Each structure stands twice: as C-alpha cells, then as structure tokens.
Amino acid sequence: MVVLRVPIVDMQNVDKIETKEKYMSTKLKLLKKDEEERTKEQYVINYLKSMIALEEAIEPYKEQKKDLRKEYIDNEWLTREDIWSAVKALRLYKQNADMDDLNDMFETVEQQFGSKDEV
C-alpha cells in the first residue's frame, strides 16, 4: 500500500504564498537585469580602457606623421594639396575603390552643386 502525503494548504495563506512567489520571481528578474547591466557596464569600461591605451600608444606615431608632412612641405618637395591627393589615392587603392564609380559620383556632385569654384 502506497501512502501519499499531501501537504495541507491553509487557504488563508495561499495569497501570501503566491505573493511571495511573485516577489521572488520579480526579484530574480531584477537581479538578472542588474547583472546584465553590470556586465554591459564592465564591457564598456574595458573597451574604453583598451581604446585609451591604444590612443596613447599611437600618439607618438601621429607626431611622426605630422613631422613628416611638415618636412615635405617645408622643403617644398610636396605641397599640402599633393600630400592630400596622394593620401586619398592610397586610401582608395587600399579599399579597392572602383574609379569609374568614383568618377561618376564626382560628376553627379559637380552637376548638382556646380564646379568647386561656384560652391
């Protein structure tokens, strides 16, 4: 013979039990959300720390780049416009830019706004 033991539920306390379950469920959800926010905040903090470290490491190279540009301009080997054009060309080359598309877009801009002297 199997005897099942069923807890006796006091009907007056059912509301308290349900309220406690809802409270615990809500509290768990809030804790989870708080944990996710802290995790996201930690990712943001870690990202910013890494970015700052990289920017600090890059700074001397930025100065070298500025000095290089100044040297070429001061010695009149290149003008600012020459350097600008060369750098733009290099960046387009690295991006495998389609020159026909670029020329078409340039013509569209020029038609819309006129020549650079008119802008």
C-alpha atoms as a PDB file:
ATOM      1  CA  MET A   1       0.000   0.000   0.000  1.00  0.00           C
ATOM      2  CA  VAL A   2       1.345   3.396  -1.024  1.00  0.00           C
ATOM      3  CA  VAL A   3       0.647   6.358   1.143  1.00  0.00           C
ATOM      4  CA  LEU A   4       0.747   9.755  -0.450  1.00  0.00           C
ATOM      5  CA  ARG A   5       1.484  12.597   1.783  1.00  0.00           C
ATOM      6  CA  VAL A   6      -0.080  15.771   0.557  1.00  0.00           C
ATOM      7  CA  PRO A   7       0.741  18.935   2.378  1.00  0.00           C
ATOM      8  CA  ILE A   8      -2.179  20.655   3.912  1.00  0.00           C
ATOM      9  CA  VAL A   9      -2.579  24.083   2.446  1.00  0.00           C
ATOM     10  CA  ASP A  10      -4.021  26.732   4.627  1.00  0.00           C
ATOM     11  CA  MET A  11      -6.320  28.598   2.240  1.00  0.00           C
ATOM     12  CA  GLN A  12      -5.820  31.810   4.171  1.00  0.00           C
ATOM     13  CA  ASN A  13      -2.111  31.788   3.337  1.00  0.00           C
ATOM     14  CA  VAL A  14      -2.468  30.990  -0.380  1.00  0.00           C
ATOM     15  CA  ASP A  15      -2.377  34.677  -1.259  1.00  0.00           C
ATOM     16  CA  LYS A  16       0.778  35.114   0.801  1.00  0.00           C
ATOM     17  CA  ILE A  17       2.429  32.171  -0.984  1.00  0.00           C
ATOM     18  CA  GLU A  18       1.506  33.496  -4.423  1.00  0.00           C
ATOM     19  CA  THR A  19       2.661  36.960  -3.458  1.00  0.00           C
ATOM     20  CA  LYS A  20       5.943  35.550  -2.179  1.00  0.00           C
ATOM     21  CA  GLU A  21       6.421  33.578  -5.418  1.00  0.00           C
ATOM     22  CA  LYS A  22       5.714  36.673  -7.491  1.00  0.00           C
ATOM     23  CA  TYR A  23       8.089  38.651  -5.305  1.00  0.00           C
ATOM     24  CA  MET A  24      10.846  36.074  -5.716  1.00  0.00           C
ATOM     25  CA  SER A  25      10.243  35.849  -9.457  1.00  0.00           C
ATOM     26  CA  THR A  26      10.370  39.629  -9.811  1.00  0.00           C
ATOM     27  CA  LYS A  27      13.446  39.823  -7.619  1.00  0.00           C
ATOM     28  CA  LEU A  28      15.219  37.174  -9.734  1.00  0.00           C
ATOM     29  CA  LYS A  29      14.349  39.094 -12.904  1.00  0.00           C
ATOM     30  CA  LEU A  30      15.680  42.315 -11.414  1.00  0.00           C
ATOM     31  CA  LEU A  31      18.856  40.598 -10.248  1.00  0.00           C
ATOM     32  CA  LYS A  32      19.380  39.140 -13.709  1.00  0.00           C
ATOM     33  CA  LYS A  33      18.792  42.525 -15.337  1.00  0.00           C
ATOM     34  CA  ASP A  34      21.143  44.176 -12.835  1.00  0.00           C
ATOM     35  CA  GLU A  35      23.782  41.541 -13.588  1.00  0.00           C
ATOM     36  CA  GLU A  36      23.388  42.116 -17.349  1.00  0.00           C
ATOM     37  CA  GLU A  37      23.715  45.861 -16.858  1.00  0.00           C
ATOM     38  CA  ARG A  38      26.813  45.405 -14.739  1.00  0.00           C
ATOM     39  CA  THR A  39      28.236  43.095 -17.386  1.00  0.00           C
ATOM     40  CA  LYS A  40      27.491  45.654 -20.103  1.00  0.00           C
ATOM     41  CA  GLU A  41      28.972  48.408 -17.961  1.00  0.00           C
ATOM     42  CA  GLN A  42      32.071  46.267 -17.466  1.00  0.00           C
ATOM     43  CA  TYR A  43      32.363  45.734 -21.214  1.00  0.00           C
ATOM     44  CA  VAL A  44      32.069  49.491 -21.757  1.00  0.00           C
ATOM     45  CA  ILE A  45      34.726  50.190 -19.137  1.00  0.00           C
ATOM     46  CA  ASN A  46      37.069  47.543 -20.573  1.00  0.00           C
ATOM     47  CA  TYR A  47      36.538  48.873 -24.104  1.00  0.00           C
ATOM     48  CA  LEU A  48      37.295  52.436 -23.039  1.00  0.00           C
ATOM     49  CA  LYS A  49      40.414  51.390 -21.137  1.00  0.00           C
ATOM     50  CA  SER A  50      41.679  49.490 -24.181  1.00  0.00           C
ATOM     51  CA  MET A  51      40.867  52.370 -26.514  1.00  0.00           C
ATOM     52  CA  ILE A  52      42.699  54.844 -24.262  1.00  0.00           C
ATOM     53  CA  ALA A  53      45.745  52.566 -24.151  1.00  0.00           C
ATOM     54  CA  LEU A  54      45.760  52.277 -27.948  1.00  0.00           C
ATOM     55  CA  GLU A  55      45.373  56.005 -28.436  1.00  0.00           C
ATOM     56  CA  GLU A  56      48.261  56.643 -26.060  1.00  0.00           C
ATOM     57  CA  ALA A  57      50.389  54.104 -27.941  1.00  0.00           C
ATOM     58  CA  ILE A  58      49.508  55.678 -31.297  1.00  0.00           C
ATOM     59  CA  GLU A  59      50.202  59.270 -30.216  1.00  0.00           C
ATOM     60  CA  PRO A  60      53.976  59.234 -30.943  1.00  0.00           C
ATOM     61  CA  TYR A  61      53.256  57.945 -34.448  1.00  0.00           C
ATOM     62  CA  LYS A  62      50.774  60.746 -35.035  1.00  0.00           C
ATOM     63  CA  GLU A  63      53.501  63.222 -34.135  1.00  0.00           C
ATOM     64  CA  GLN A  64      55.926  61.491 -36.517  1.00  0.00           C
ATOM     65  CA  LYS A  65      53.332  61.629 -39.270  1.00  0.00           C
ATOM     66  CA  LYS A  66      52.777  65.342 -38.629  1.00  0.00           C
ATOM     67  CA  ASP A  67      56.549  65.965 -38.632  1.00  0.00           C
ATOM     68  CA  LEU A  68      56.953  64.035 -41.885  1.00  0.00           C
ATOM     69  CA  ARG A  69      54.242  66.092 -43.581  1.00  0.00           C
ATOM     70  CA  LYS A  70      55.809  69.315 -42.262  1.00  0.00           C
ATOM     71  CA  GLU A  71      59.258  68.287 -43.510  1.00  0.00           C
ATOM     72  CA  TYR A  72      57.993  67.630 -47.048  1.00  0.00           C
ATOM     73  CA  ILE A  73      56.118  70.937 -47.124  1.00  0.00           C
ATOM     74  CA  ASP A  74      58.970  72.963 -45.553  1.00  0.00           C
ATOM     75  CA  ASN A  75      61.471  71.534 -48.038  1.00  0.00           C
ATOM     76  CA  GLU A  76      58.988  72.229 -50.833  1.00  0.00           C
ATOM     77  CA  TRP A  77      59.176  68.650 -52.028  1.00  0.00           C
ATOM     78  CA  LEU A  78      55.367  68.468 -51.989  1.00  0.00           C
ATOM     79  CA  THR A  79      52.505  70.880 -51.364  1.00  0.00           C
ATOM     80  CA  ARG A  80      49.681  70.273 -48.913  1.00  0.00           C
ATOM     81  CA  GLU A  81      47.450  69.509 -51.880  1.00  0.00           C
ATOM     82  CA  ASP A  82      49.967  66.981 -53.255  1.00  0.00           C
ATOM     83  CA  ILE A  83      50.064  65.203 -49.905  1.00  0.00           C
ATOM     84  CA  TRP A  84      46.281  65.302 -49.576  1.00  0.00           C
ATOM     85  CA  SER A  85      45.820  63.834 -53.053  1.00  0.00           C
ATOM     86  CA  ALA A  86      48.438  61.143 -52.529  1.00  0.00           C
ATOM     87  CA  VAL A  87      46.915  60.059 -49.199  1.00  0.00           C
ATOM     88  CA  LYS A  88      43.396  59.979 -50.680  1.00  0.00           C
ATOM     89  CA  ALA A  89      44.641  57.917 -53.620  1.00  0.00           C
ATOM     90  CA  LEU A  90      46.379  55.469 -51.288  1.00  0.00           C
ATOM     91  CA  ARG A  91      43.229  55.051 -49.163  1.00  0.00           C
ATOM     92  CA  LEU A  92      41.079  54.484 -52.237  1.00  0.00           C
ATOM     93  CA  TYR A  93      43.626  51.976 -53.533  1.00  0.00           C
ATOM     94  CA  LYS A  94      43.579  50.078 -50.224  1.00  0.00           C
ATOM     95  CA  GLN A  95      39.776  49.945 -50.365  1.00  0.00           C
ATOM     96  CA  ASN A  96      39.842  48.602 -53.920  1.00  0.00           C
ATOM     97  CA  ALA A  97      37.678  51.547 -54.929  1.00  0.00           C
ATOM     98  CA  ASP A  98      36.157  51.428 -58.375  1.00  0.00           C
ATOM     99  CA  MET A  99      37.477  54.564 -60.074  1.00  0.00           C
ATOM    100  CA  ASP A 100      34.688  54.572 -62.649  1.00  0.00           C
ATOM    101  CA  ASP A 101      32.094  54.664 -59.866  1.00  0.00           C
ATOM    102  CA  LEU A 102      34.075  57.365 -58.087  1.00  0.00           C
ATOM    103  CA  ASN A 103      34.278  59.486 -61.256  1.00  0.00           C
ATOM    104  CA  ASP A 104      30.555  59.006 -61.903  1.00  0.00           C
ATOM    105  CA  MET A 105      29.772  60.125 -58.357  1.00  0.00           C
ATOM    106  CA  PHE A 106      32.113  63.100 -58.678  1.00  0.00           C
ATOM    107  CA  GLU A 107      30.364  64.151 -61.893  1.00  0.00           C
ATOM    108  CA  THR A 108      26.979  63.814 -60.176  1.00  0.00           C
ATOM    109  CA  VAL A 109      28.119  66.041 -57.319  1.00  0.00           C
ATOM    110  CA  GLU A 110      29.615  68.544 -59.731  1.00  0.00           C
ATOM    111  CA  GLN A 111      26.399  68.656 -61.778  1.00  0.00           C
ATOM    112  CA  GLN A 112      24.296  69.141 -58.662  1.00  0.00           C
ATOM    113  CA  PHE A 113      26.469  71.762 -56.949  1.00  0.00           C
ATOM    114  CA  GLY A 114      28.467  73.208 -59.817  1.00  0.00           C
ATOM    115  CA  SER A 115      32.236  73.383 -60.055  1.00  0.00           C
ATOM    116  CA  LYS A 116      34.216  73.786 -56.851  1.00  0.00           C
ATOM    117  CA  ASP A 117      34.755  77.478 -57.666  1.00  0.00           C
ATOM    118  CA  GLU A 118      30.984  78.049 -57.601  1.00  0.00           C
ATOM    119  CA  VAL A 119      30.390  76.371 -54.216  1.00  0.00           C
END
